Amino acid sequence: MKETGRSGCPINLTLEILGDRWSLIVLRDMMFGNRRHYRELLAKSDEGIASNILADRLKRLLDNGLISRRDDASHKQKGIYSLTEMGISLVPVFAAMADWGRRFLPVTPEMSIRAEILAEGGPPLWSKFMDELRFLHLDAPQPTQSVLDELTAAYREAVERKRVVEAEPEVM
């Protein structure tokens, strides 16, 4: 990691790596969406990240050790991005940020369901999720519980509930 020209304050140093608009979103999409290729990260971005910004953030996250990149055996020009242990260790930070946002900001039910589950599960669930991320990204042993599957299923159910409600005719 590079040394900074600013203070050695841990909050400052963290913000120098993660304090821009997009870095946490890229990590979130890798973590909760299991998006591992550049095209997936670009095309499936709910926030509409621009290609040049995505390329820059991936380089920054690589340079700072939060993700790694290896060649994709199926295609010479493709790379597979993986979270490193440093990136995986951000799960509690994401859980705390999501819970704070869920409690104080005008979130939608479908976008906040994962935050609710992580808050209810607390550190034991976060630990299981980190074990699963280690399996998916670092070739660790496969855990018995798939937290990612549970979070994804809850999200899909919330999206379906929203679709059904929006499709229902209004009663006057």
N, C-alpha and C. Protein backbone atom coordinates (compact mmCIF):
# COMPACT_ATOMS: atom_id res chain seq x y z
N MET A 1 0.83 -1.18 0.00
CA MET A 1 0.00 0.00 0.00
C MET A 1 0.88 1.25 0.00
N LYS A 2 0.32 2.27 -0.62
CA LYS A 2 1.05 3.52 -0.71
C LYS A 2 0.96 4.30 0.60
N GLU A 3 2.01 5.02 0.89
CA GLU A 3 1.95 5.94 2.02
C GLU A 3 1.24 7.19 1.55
N THR A 4 0.57 7.85 2.47
CA THR A 4 -0.18 9.04 2.10
C THR A 4 0.57 10.29 2.53
N GLY A 5 0.18 11.41 1.95
CA GLY A 5 0.78 12.68 2.31
C GLY A 5 0.00 13.37 3.41
N ARG A 6 -1.12 12.76 3.82
CA ARG A 6 -1.92 13.37 4.87
C ARG A 6 -1.64 12.66 6.19
N SER A 7 -2.52 12.81 7.14
CA SER A 7 -2.28 12.29 8.49
C SER A 7 -2.33 10.77 8.54
N GLY A 8 -1.83 10.23 9.63
CA GLY A 8 -1.87 8.80 9.87
C GLY A 8 -3.12 8.37 10.61
N CYS A 9 -4.13 9.22 10.67
CA CYS A 9 -5.39 8.91 11.33
C CYS A 9 -6.06 7.75 10.60
N PRO A 10 -6.53 6.72 11.33
CA PRO A 10 -7.14 5.57 10.66
C PRO A 10 -8.39 5.93 9.86
N ILE A 11 -9.16 6.90 10.33
CA ILE A 11 -10.34 7.31 9.56
C ILE A 11 -9.91 7.99 8.28
N ASN A 12 -8.94 8.87 8.36
CA ASN A 12 -8.42 9.53 7.16
C ASN A 12 -7.88 8.51 6.17
N LEU A 13 -7.06 7.59 6.64
CA LEU A 13 -6.46 6.60 5.73
C LEU A 13 -7.52 5.73 5.08
N THR A 14 -8.55 5.35 5.83
CA THR A 14 -9.65 4.57 5.27
C THR A 14 -10.39 5.38 4.20
N LEU A 15 -10.65 6.64 4.50
CA LEU A 15 -11.34 7.49 3.53
C LEU A 15 -10.51 7.72 2.28
N GLU A 16 -9.20 7.74 2.41
CA GLU A 16 -8.37 7.92 1.22
C GLU A 16 -8.53 6.75 0.25
N ILE A 17 -8.86 5.58 0.77
CA ILE A 17 -9.07 4.40 -0.08
C ILE A 17 -10.54 4.26 -0.48
N LEU A 18 -11.43 4.45 0.46
CA LEU A 18 -12.84 4.13 0.24
C LEU A 18 -13.77 5.34 0.20
N GLY A 19 -13.24 6.53 0.33
CA GLY A 19 -14.08 7.69 0.52
C GLY A 19 -14.63 8.35 -0.72
N ASP A 20 -14.55 7.71 -1.87
CA ASP A 20 -15.14 8.31 -3.06
C ASP A 20 -16.53 7.72 -3.29
N ARG A 21 -17.21 8.23 -4.26
CA ARG A 21 -18.59 7.85 -4.52
C ARG A 21 -18.75 6.40 -4.98
N TRP A 22 -17.75 5.81 -5.62
CA TRP A 22 -17.96 4.53 -6.30
C TRP A 22 -17.26 3.32 -5.70
N SER A 23 -16.19 3.48 -4.97
CA SER A 23 -15.42 2.32 -4.50
C SER A 23 -16.27 1.37 -3.66
N LEU A 24 -17.04 1.90 -2.74
CA LEU A 24 -17.88 1.04 -1.90
C LEU A 24 -18.98 0.37 -2.72
N ILE A 25 -19.47 1.04 -3.75
CA ILE A 25 -20.50 0.45 -4.60
C ILE A 25 -19.93 -0.73 -5.38
N VAL A 26 -18.73 -0.59 -5.89
CA VAL A 26 -18.08 -1.70 -6.60
C VAL A 26 -17.86 -2.88 -5.64
N LEU A 27 -17.37 -2.60 -4.45
CA LEU A 27 -17.18 -3.67 -3.46
C LEU A 27 -18.52 -4.30 -3.07
N ARG A 28 -19.55 -3.47 -2.89
CA ARG A 28 -20.88 -3.99 -2.57
C ARG A 28 -21.37 -4.96 -3.65
N ASP A 29 -21.20 -4.57 -4.91
CA ASP A 29 -21.67 -5.42 -6.00
C ASP A 29 -20.88 -6.72 -6.09
N MET A 30 -19.61 -6.69 -5.75
CA MET A 30 -18.83 -7.92 -5.70
C MET A 30 -19.27 -8.79 -4.52
N MET A 31 -19.53 -8.15 -3.40
CA MET A 31 -19.85 -8.84 -2.17
C MET A 31 -21.27 -9.43 -2.18
N PHE A 32 -22.25 -8.60 -2.49
CA PHE A 32 -23.65 -9.00 -2.37
C PHE A 32 -24.26 -9.45 -3.69
N GLY A 33 -23.64 -9.07 -4.81
CA GLY A 33 -24.15 -9.48 -6.12
C GLY A 33 -23.30 -10.54 -6.78
N ASN A 34 -22.20 -10.91 -6.14
CA ASN A 34 -21.24 -11.87 -6.68
C ASN A 34 -20.86 -11.54 -8.13
N ARG A 35 -20.70 -10.25 -8.39
CA ARG A 35 -20.27 -9.80 -9.72
C ARG A 35 -18.76 -9.82 -9.76
N ARG A 36 -18.22 -10.56 -10.70
CA ARG A 36 -16.78 -10.80 -10.71
C ARG A 36 -16.08 -10.31 -11.98
N HIS A 37 -16.85 -10.03 -13.03
CA HIS A 37 -16.27 -9.58 -14.30
C HIS A 37 -16.60 -8.10 -14.51
N TYR A 38 -15.74 -7.44 -15.24
CA TYR A 38 -15.91 -6.02 -15.54
C TYR A 38 -17.29 -5.76 -16.15
N ARG A 39 -17.68 -6.55 -17.14
CA ARG A 39 -18.98 -6.35 -17.82
C ARG A 39 -20.16 -6.50 -16.86
N GLU A 40 -20.08 -7.46 -15.95
CA GLU A 40 -21.16 -7.62 -14.95
C GLU A 40 -21.25 -6.40 -14.05
N LEU A 41 -20.10 -5.93 -13.61
CA LEU A 41 -20.07 -4.77 -12.72
C LEU A 41 -20.61 -3.53 -13.44
N LEU A 42 -20.32 -3.42 -14.72
CA LEU A 42 -20.77 -2.27 -15.49
C LEU A 42 -22.26 -2.37 -15.83
N ALA A 43 -22.69 -3.48 -16.39
CA ALA A 43 -24.06 -3.62 -16.89
C ALA A 43 -25.10 -3.76 -15.79
N LYS A 44 -24.73 -4.34 -14.67
CA LYS A 44 -25.71 -4.59 -13.61
C LYS A 44 -25.64 -3.57 -12.49
N SER A 45 -24.98 -2.47 -12.71
CA SER A 45 -24.89 -1.42 -11.70
C SER A 45 -26.21 -0.70 -11.57
N ASP A 46 -26.84 -0.79 -10.41
CA ASP A 46 -28.10 -0.08 -10.17
C ASP A 46 -27.90 1.43 -10.26
N GLU A 47 -26.71 1.88 -9.94
CA GLU A 47 -26.44 3.31 -9.91
C GLU A 47 -25.90 3.84 -11.23
N GLY A 48 -25.63 2.97 -12.20
CA GLY A 48 -25.20 3.39 -13.52
C GLY A 48 -23.78 3.93 -13.57
N ILE A 49 -22.84 3.18 -13.06
CA ILE A 49 -21.44 3.61 -13.10
C ILE A 49 -20.94 3.70 -14.54
N ALA A 50 -20.17 4.73 -14.83
CA ALA A 50 -19.58 4.90 -16.16
C ALA A 50 -18.37 3.97 -16.31
N SER A 51 -18.10 3.55 -17.53
CA SER A 51 -17.03 2.59 -17.77
C SER A 51 -15.66 3.10 -17.33
N ASN A 52 -15.37 4.38 -17.59
CA ASN A 52 -14.06 4.92 -17.18
C ASN A 52 -13.94 5.00 -15.66
N ILE A 53 -15.05 5.28 -14.97
CA ILE A 53 -15.03 5.34 -13.51
C ILE A 53 -14.83 3.94 -12.94
N LEU A 54 -15.55 2.96 -13.50
CA LEU A 54 -15.39 1.58 -13.04
C LEU A 54 -13.96 1.11 -13.22
N ALA A 55 -13.37 1.37 -14.38
CA ALA A 55 -11.99 0.96 -14.63
C ALA A 55 -11.05 1.61 -13.61
N ASP A 56 -11.26 2.88 -13.32
CA ASP A 56 -10.43 3.59 -12.36
C ASP A 56 -10.59 3.00 -10.96
N ARG A 57 -11.83 2.73 -10.55
CA ARG A 57 -12.05 2.21 -9.20
C ARG A 57 -11.50 0.79 -9.06
N LEU A 58 -11.65 -0.03 -10.08
CA LEU A 58 -11.07 -1.37 -10.01
C LEU A 58 -9.55 -1.28 -9.86
N LYS A 59 -8.92 -0.39 -10.61
CA LYS A 59 -7.46 -0.21 -10.49
C LYS A 59 -7.10 0.25 -9.08
N ARG A 60 -7.85 1.21 -8.55
CA ARG A 60 -7.57 1.73 -7.20
C ARG A 60 -7.74 0.63 -6.15
N LEU A 61 -8.81 -0.15 -6.26
CA LEU A 61 -9.05 -1.24 -5.30
C LEU A 61 -7.98 -2.32 -5.42
N LEU A 62 -7.53 -2.60 -6.65
CA LEU A 62 -6.41 -3.54 -6.86
C LEU A 62 -5.14 -3.00 -6.21
N ASP A 63 -4.82 -1.76 -6.51
CA ASP A 63 -3.59 -1.15 -5.99
C ASP A 63 -3.55 -1.10 -4.47
N ASN A 64 -4.72 -1.00 -3.85
CA ASN A 64 -4.79 -0.92 -2.40
C ASN A 64 -5.03 -2.27 -1.72
N GLY A 65 -5.09 -3.33 -2.50
CA GLY A 65 -5.16 -4.68 -1.93
C GLY A 65 -6.54 -5.15 -1.49
N LEU A 66 -7.60 -4.46 -1.89
CA LEU A 66 -8.95 -4.89 -1.50
C LEU A 66 -9.51 -5.94 -2.44
N ILE A 67 -9.03 -5.96 -3.67
CA ILE A 67 -9.43 -6.98 -4.64
C ILE A 67 -8.20 -7.49 -5.37
N SER A 68 -8.35 -8.62 -6.03
CA SER A 68 -7.31 -9.15 -6.88
C SER A 68 -7.91 -9.44 -8.25
N ARG A 69 -7.07 -9.66 -9.23
CA ARG A 69 -7.53 -9.96 -10.58
C ARG A 69 -6.70 -11.10 -11.14
N ARG A 70 -7.39 -12.05 -11.76
CA ARG A 70 -6.69 -13.12 -12.47
C ARG A 70 -7.32 -13.26 -13.84
N ASP A 71 -6.56 -13.82 -14.77
CA ASP A 71 -7.09 -14.03 -16.10
C ASP A 71 -8.19 -15.07 -16.08
N ASP A 72 -9.19 -14.86 -16.91
CA ASP A 72 -10.28 -15.82 -17.07
C ASP A 72 -9.86 -16.84 -18.11
N ALA A 73 -9.80 -18.10 -17.73
CA ALA A 73 -9.36 -19.16 -18.63
C ALA A 73 -10.27 -19.30 -19.84
N SER A 74 -11.53 -18.87 -19.71
CA SER A 74 -12.47 -19.02 -20.82
C SER A 74 -12.33 -17.94 -21.89
N HIS A 75 -11.61 -16.87 -21.59
CA HIS A 75 -11.48 -15.77 -22.54
C HIS A 75 -10.20 -15.00 -22.23
N LYS A 76 -9.32 -14.89 -23.21
CA LYS A 76 -8.00 -14.29 -22.99
C LYS A 76 -8.05 -12.84 -22.51
N GLN A 77 -9.05 -12.08 -22.95
CA GLN A 77 -9.08 -10.67 -22.59
C GLN A 77 -9.91 -10.37 -21.34
N LYS A 78 -10.55 -11.38 -20.79
CA LYS A 78 -11.36 -11.17 -19.60
C LYS A 78 -10.56 -11.43 -18.34
N GLY A 79 -10.93 -10.72 -17.29
CA GLY A 79 -10.35 -10.97 -15.99
C GLY A 79 -11.45 -11.28 -14.99
N ILE A 80 -11.09 -12.01 -13.97
CA ILE A 80 -12.01 -12.31 -12.87
C ILE A 80 -11.50 -11.57 -11.64
N TYR A 81 -12.35 -10.72 -11.11
CA TYR A 81 -11.99 -9.97 -9.92
C TYR A 81 -12.47 -10.73 -8.69
N SER A 82 -11.66 -10.70 -7.65
CA SER A 82 -12.00 -11.36 -6.40
C SER A 82 -11.72 -10.42 -5.24
N LEU A 83 -12.53 -10.56 -4.21
CA LEU A 83 -12.24 -9.85 -2.97
C LEU A 83 -11.04 -10.51 -2.30
N THR A 84 -10.20 -9.73 -1.69
CA THR A 84 -9.11 -10.27 -0.87
C THR A 84 -9.62 -10.35 0.57
N GLU A 85 -8.80 -10.88 1.44
CA GLU A 85 -9.18 -10.92 2.86
C GLU A 85 -9.44 -9.50 3.36
N MET A 86 -8.66 -8.56 2.88
CA MET A 86 -8.84 -7.16 3.27
C MET A 86 -10.23 -6.66 2.84
N GLY A 87 -10.66 -7.02 1.64
CA GLY A 87 -11.98 -6.64 1.16
C GLY A 87 -13.09 -7.35 1.91
N ILE A 88 -12.91 -8.64 2.14
CA ILE A 88 -13.91 -9.43 2.86
C ILE A 88 -14.11 -8.91 4.28
N SER A 89 -13.04 -8.43 4.88
CA SER A 89 -13.13 -7.94 6.26
C SER A 89 -14.00 -6.69 6.40
N LEU A 90 -14.44 -6.13 5.28
CA LEU A 90 -15.33 -4.96 5.30
C LEU A 90 -16.80 -5.34 5.53
N VAL A 91 -17.13 -6.63 5.58
CA VAL A 91 -18.53 -7.03 5.78
C VAL A 91 -19.16 -6.35 7.00
N PRO A 92 -18.52 -6.34 8.16
CA PRO A 92 -19.15 -5.65 9.30
C PRO A 92 -19.35 -4.15 9.05
N VAL A 93 -18.46 -3.53 8.31
CA VAL A 93 -18.59 -2.11 7.98
C VAL A 93 -19.81 -1.91 7.08
N PHE A 94 -19.94 -2.76 6.06
CA PHE A 94 -21.10 -2.68 5.17
C PHE A 94 -22.39 -2.93 5.94
N ALA A 95 -22.38 -3.90 6.82
CA ALA A 95 -23.58 -4.21 7.62
C ALA A 95 -23.97 -3.01 8.48
N ALA A 96 -22.99 -2.37 9.11
CA ALA A 96 -23.27 -1.21 9.96
C ALA A 96 -23.77 -0.03 9.13
N MET A 97 -23.12 0.22 7.98
CA MET A 97 -23.57 1.31 7.11
C MET A 97 -24.98 1.06 6.61
N ALA A 98 -25.25 -0.16 6.19
CA ALA A 98 -26.57 -0.50 5.66
C ALA A 98 -27.64 -0.37 6.74
N ASP A 99 -27.33 -0.81 7.95
CA ASP A 99 -28.30 -0.71 9.04
C ASP A 99 -28.57 0.76 9.38
N TRP A 100 -27.53 1.57 9.41
CA TRP A 100 -27.70 2.99 9.67
C TRP A 100 -28.59 3.61 8.59
N GLY A 101 -28.28 3.32 7.32
CA GLY A 101 -29.08 3.86 6.22
C GLY A 101 -30.52 3.40 6.28
N ARG A 102 -30.72 2.15 6.64
CA ARG A 102 -32.06 1.58 6.74
C ARG A 102 -32.88 2.29 7.82
N ARG A 103 -32.22 2.65 8.90
CA ARG A 103 -32.92 3.27 10.02
C ARG A 103 -33.17 4.77 9.83
N PHE A 104 -32.30 5.46 9.09
CA PHE A 104 -32.38 6.91 9.05
C PHE A 104 -32.65 7.53 7.68
N LEU A 105 -32.62 6.73 6.61
CA LEU A 105 -32.78 7.29 5.27
C LEU A 105 -33.99 6.68 4.57
N PRO A 106 -34.50 7.34 3.53
CA PRO A 106 -35.70 6.86 2.84
C PRO A 106 -35.39 5.71 1.86
N VAL A 107 -35.05 4.56 2.39
CA VAL A 107 -34.70 3.40 1.57
C VAL A 107 -35.97 2.70 1.08
N THR A 108 -35.81 1.86 0.08
CA THR A 108 -36.93 1.06 -0.39
C THR A 108 -36.87 -0.31 0.27
N PRO A 109 -38.01 -0.96 0.44
CA PRO A 109 -38.01 -2.28 1.09
C PRO A 109 -37.12 -3.30 0.36
N GLU A 110 -37.17 -3.31 -0.96
CA GLU A 110 -36.38 -4.31 -1.69
C GLU A 110 -34.88 -4.05 -1.58
N MET A 111 -34.50 -2.78 -1.50
CA MET A 111 -33.07 -2.48 -1.40
C MET A 111 -32.55 -2.55 0.03
N SER A 112 -33.44 -2.61 1.01
CA SER A 112 -32.98 -2.64 2.40
C SER A 112 -33.17 -4.00 3.07
N ILE A 113 -33.76 -4.96 2.38
CA ILE A 113 -34.04 -6.26 3.02
C ILE A 113 -32.75 -6.95 3.45
N ARG A 114 -31.71 -6.87 2.65
CA ARG A 114 -30.45 -7.52 3.03
C ARG A 114 -29.86 -6.87 4.28
N ALA A 115 -29.98 -5.54 4.36
CA ALA A 115 -29.49 -4.82 5.55
C ALA A 115 -30.25 -5.28 6.79
N GLU A 116 -31.55 -5.46 6.64
CA GLU A 116 -32.37 -5.91 7.77
C GLU A 116 -31.93 -7.30 8.23
N ILE A 117 -31.72 -8.20 7.29
CA ILE A 117 -31.31 -9.56 7.64
C ILE A 117 -29.93 -9.55 8.30
N LEU A 118 -29.01 -8.78 7.76
CA LEU A 118 -27.67 -8.70 8.35
C LEU A 118 -27.71 -8.09 9.75
N ALA A 119 -28.56 -7.08 9.94
CA ALA A 119 -28.68 -6.47 11.27
C ALA A 119 -29.26 -7.46 12.27
N GLU A 120 -30.29 -8.18 11.85
CA GLU A 120 -30.90 -9.17 12.75
C GLU A 120 -29.94 -10.32 13.06
N GLY A 121 -29.15 -10.73 12.08
CA GLY A 121 -28.21 -11.84 12.28
C GLY A 121 -26.97 -11.44 13.06
N GLY A 122 -26.62 -10.17 12.99
CA GLY A 122 -25.48 -9.64 13.73
C GLY A 122 -24.16 -10.32 13.40
N PRO A 123 -23.17 -10.14 14.26
CA PRO A 123 -21.83 -10.67 14.01
C PRO A 123 -21.78 -12.17 13.67
N PRO A 124 -22.61 -13.03 14.28
CA PRO A 124 -22.54 -14.44 13.87
C PRO A 124 -22.88 -14.65 12.38
N LEU A 125 -23.89 -13.93 11.87
CA LEU A 125 -24.24 -14.05 10.46
C LEU A 125 -23.17 -13.41 9.58
N TRP A 126 -22.61 -12.29 10.02
CA TRP A 126 -21.54 -11.64 9.26
C TRP A 126 -20.36 -12.59 9.11
N SER A 127 -20.04 -13.29 10.17
CA SER A 127 -18.92 -14.24 10.14
C SER A 127 -19.20 -15.36 9.13
N LYS A 128 -20.43 -15.87 9.13
CA LYS A 128 -20.79 -16.91 8.16
C LYS A 128 -20.72 -16.38 6.74
N PHE A 129 -21.15 -15.15 6.54
CA PHE A 129 -21.09 -14.53 5.22
C PHE A 129 -19.63 -14.36 4.78
N MET A 130 -18.77 -13.94 5.69
CA MET A 130 -17.35 -13.79 5.35
C MET A 130 -16.73 -15.14 5.00
N ASP A 131 -17.13 -16.19 5.71
CA ASP A 131 -16.65 -17.54 5.36
C ASP A 131 -17.08 -17.92 3.95
N GLU A 132 -18.31 -17.58 3.59
CA GLU A 132 -18.79 -17.88 2.24
C GLU A 132 -18.04 -17.06 1.19
N LEU A 133 -17.77 -15.79 1.49
CA LEU A 133 -17.00 -14.97 0.57
C LEU A 133 -15.58 -15.52 0.40
N ARG A 134 -15.02 -16.05 1.48
CA ARG A 134 -13.69 -16.67 1.37
C ARG A 134 -13.75 -17.89 0.45
N PHE A 135 -14.84 -18.63 0.51
CA PHE A 135 -15.03 -19.77 -0.40
C PHE A 135 -15.13 -19.27 -1.85
N LEU A 136 -15.97 -18.26 -2.08
CA LEU A 136 -16.21 -17.77 -3.44
C LEU A 136 -15.00 -17.05 -4.04
N HIS A 137 -14.24 -16.35 -3.22
CA HIS A 137 -13.18 -15.49 -3.74
C HIS A 137 -11.77 -16.00 -3.45
N LEU A 138 -11.60 -16.80 -2.42
CA LEU A 138 -10.25 -17.19 -2.00
C LEU A 138 -10.04 -18.70 -1.98
N ASP A 139 -11.00 -19.44 -2.52
CA ASP A 139 -10.90 -20.91 -2.60
C ASP A 139 -10.81 -21.58 -1.24
N ALA A 140 -11.42 -21.00 -0.23
CA ALA A 140 -11.50 -21.63 1.10
C ALA A 140 -12.56 -22.74 1.04
N PRO A 141 -12.62 -23.58 2.06
CA PRO A 141 -13.65 -24.64 2.07
C PRO A 141 -15.06 -24.05 2.02
N GLN A 142 -15.95 -24.79 1.36
CA GLN A 142 -17.34 -24.35 1.22
C GLN A 142 -18.08 -24.50 2.54
N PRO A 143 -18.71 -23.41 3.00
CA PRO A 143 -19.49 -23.51 4.24
C PRO A 143 -20.80 -24.25 3.99
N THR A 144 -21.42 -24.72 5.06
CA THR A 144 -22.67 -25.46 4.92
C THR A 144 -23.85 -24.53 4.63
N GLN A 145 -23.81 -23.31 5.13
CA GLN A 145 -24.89 -22.35 4.94
C GLN A 145 -24.49 -21.33 3.88
N SER A 146 -25.41 -21.03 2.96
CA SER A 146 -25.16 -19.98 1.98
C SER A 146 -25.93 -18.73 2.38
N VAL A 147 -25.23 -17.82 3.03
CA VAL A 147 -25.83 -16.54 3.42
C VAL A 147 -26.17 -15.74 2.17
N LEU A 148 -25.31 -15.80 1.17
CA LEU A 148 -25.55 -15.07 -0.07
C LEU A 148 -26.85 -15.54 -0.72
N ASP A 149 -27.10 -16.84 -0.75
CA ASP A 149 -28.35 -17.35 -1.31
C ASP A 149 -29.55 -16.84 -0.52
N GLU A 150 -29.43 -16.81 0.80
CA GLU A 150 -30.52 -16.32 1.65
C GLU A 150 -30.78 -14.82 1.40
N LEU A 151 -29.72 -14.04 1.32
CA LEU A 151 -29.87 -12.61 1.07
C LEU A 151 -30.46 -12.36 -0.32
N THR A 152 -30.01 -13.12 -1.30
CA THR A 152 -30.51 -12.97 -2.67
C THR A 152 -31.98 -13.37 -2.77
N ALA A 153 -32.35 -14.45 -2.11
CA ALA A 153 -33.75 -14.90 -2.13
C ALA A 153 -34.66 -13.85 -1.47
N ALA A 154 -34.21 -13.29 -0.36
CA ALA A 154 -35.01 -12.26 0.33
C ALA A 154 -35.16 -11.02 -0.56
N TYR A 155 -34.09 -10.65 -1.25
CA TYR A 155 -34.15 -9.51 -2.17
C TYR A 155 -35.14 -9.79 -3.30
N ARG A 156 -35.04 -10.95 -3.90
CA ARG A 156 -35.95 -11.30 -5.01
C ARG A 156 -37.41 -11.34 -4.56
N GLU A 157 -37.65 -11.85 -3.36
CA GLU A 157 -39.02 -11.87 -2.82
C GLU A 157 -39.54 -10.45 -2.62
N ALA A 158 -38.69 -9.55 -2.13
CA ALA A 158 -39.10 -8.16 -1.93
C ALA A 158 -39.37 -7.48 -3.27
N VAL A 159 -38.57 -7.77 -4.28
CA VAL A 159 -38.79 -7.21 -5.61
C VAL A 159 -40.12 -7.72 -6.17
N GLU A 160 -40.40 -9.00 -5.98
CA GLU A 160 -41.66 -9.59 -6.46
C GLU A 160 -42.85 -8.97 -5.73
N ARG A 161 -42.75 -8.78 -4.42
CA ARG A 161 -43.83 -8.14 -3.67
C ARG A 161 -44.11 -6.74 -4.22
N LYS A 162 -43.06 -6.00 -4.52
CA LYS A 162 -43.21 -4.66 -5.08
C LYS A 162 -43.90 -4.73 -6.44
N ARG A 163 -43.50 -5.68 -7.27
CA ARG A 163 -44.09 -5.84 -8.60
C ARG A 163 -45.58 -6.14 -8.48
N VAL A 164 -45.96 -7.02 -7.57
CA VAL A 164 -47.36 -7.40 -7.39
C VAL A 164 -48.17 -6.19 -6.91
N VAL A 165 -47.64 -5.46 -5.95
CA VAL A 165 -48.34 -4.28 -5.43
C VAL A 165 -48.52 -3.24 -6.53
N GLU A 166 -47.49 -3.01 -7.31
CA GLU A 166 -47.58 -2.02 -8.38
C GLU A 166 -48.54 -2.46 -9.48
N ALA A 167 -48.71 -3.76 -9.67
CA ALA A 167 -49.59 -4.29 -10.71
C ALA A 167 -51.06 -4.30 -10.29
N GLU A 168 -51.31 -4.23 -8.98
CA GLU A 168 -52.69 -4.26 -8.49
C GLU A 168 -53.41 -2.96 -8.85
N PRO A 169 -54.67 -3.09 -9.30
CA PRO A 169 -55.43 -1.86 -9.59
C PRO A 169 -55.75 -1.11 -8.30
N GLU A 170 -55.79 0.20 -8.40
CA GLU A 170 -56.11 1.02 -7.23
C GLU A 170 -57.58 0.89 -6.91
N VAL A 171 -57.89 0.77 -5.63
CA VAL A 171 -59.27 0.72 -5.17
C VAL A 171 -59.69 2.13 -4.78
N MET A 172 -60.82 2.56 -5.30
CA MET A 172 -61.27 3.93 -5.00
C MET A 172 -62.36 3.93 -3.98
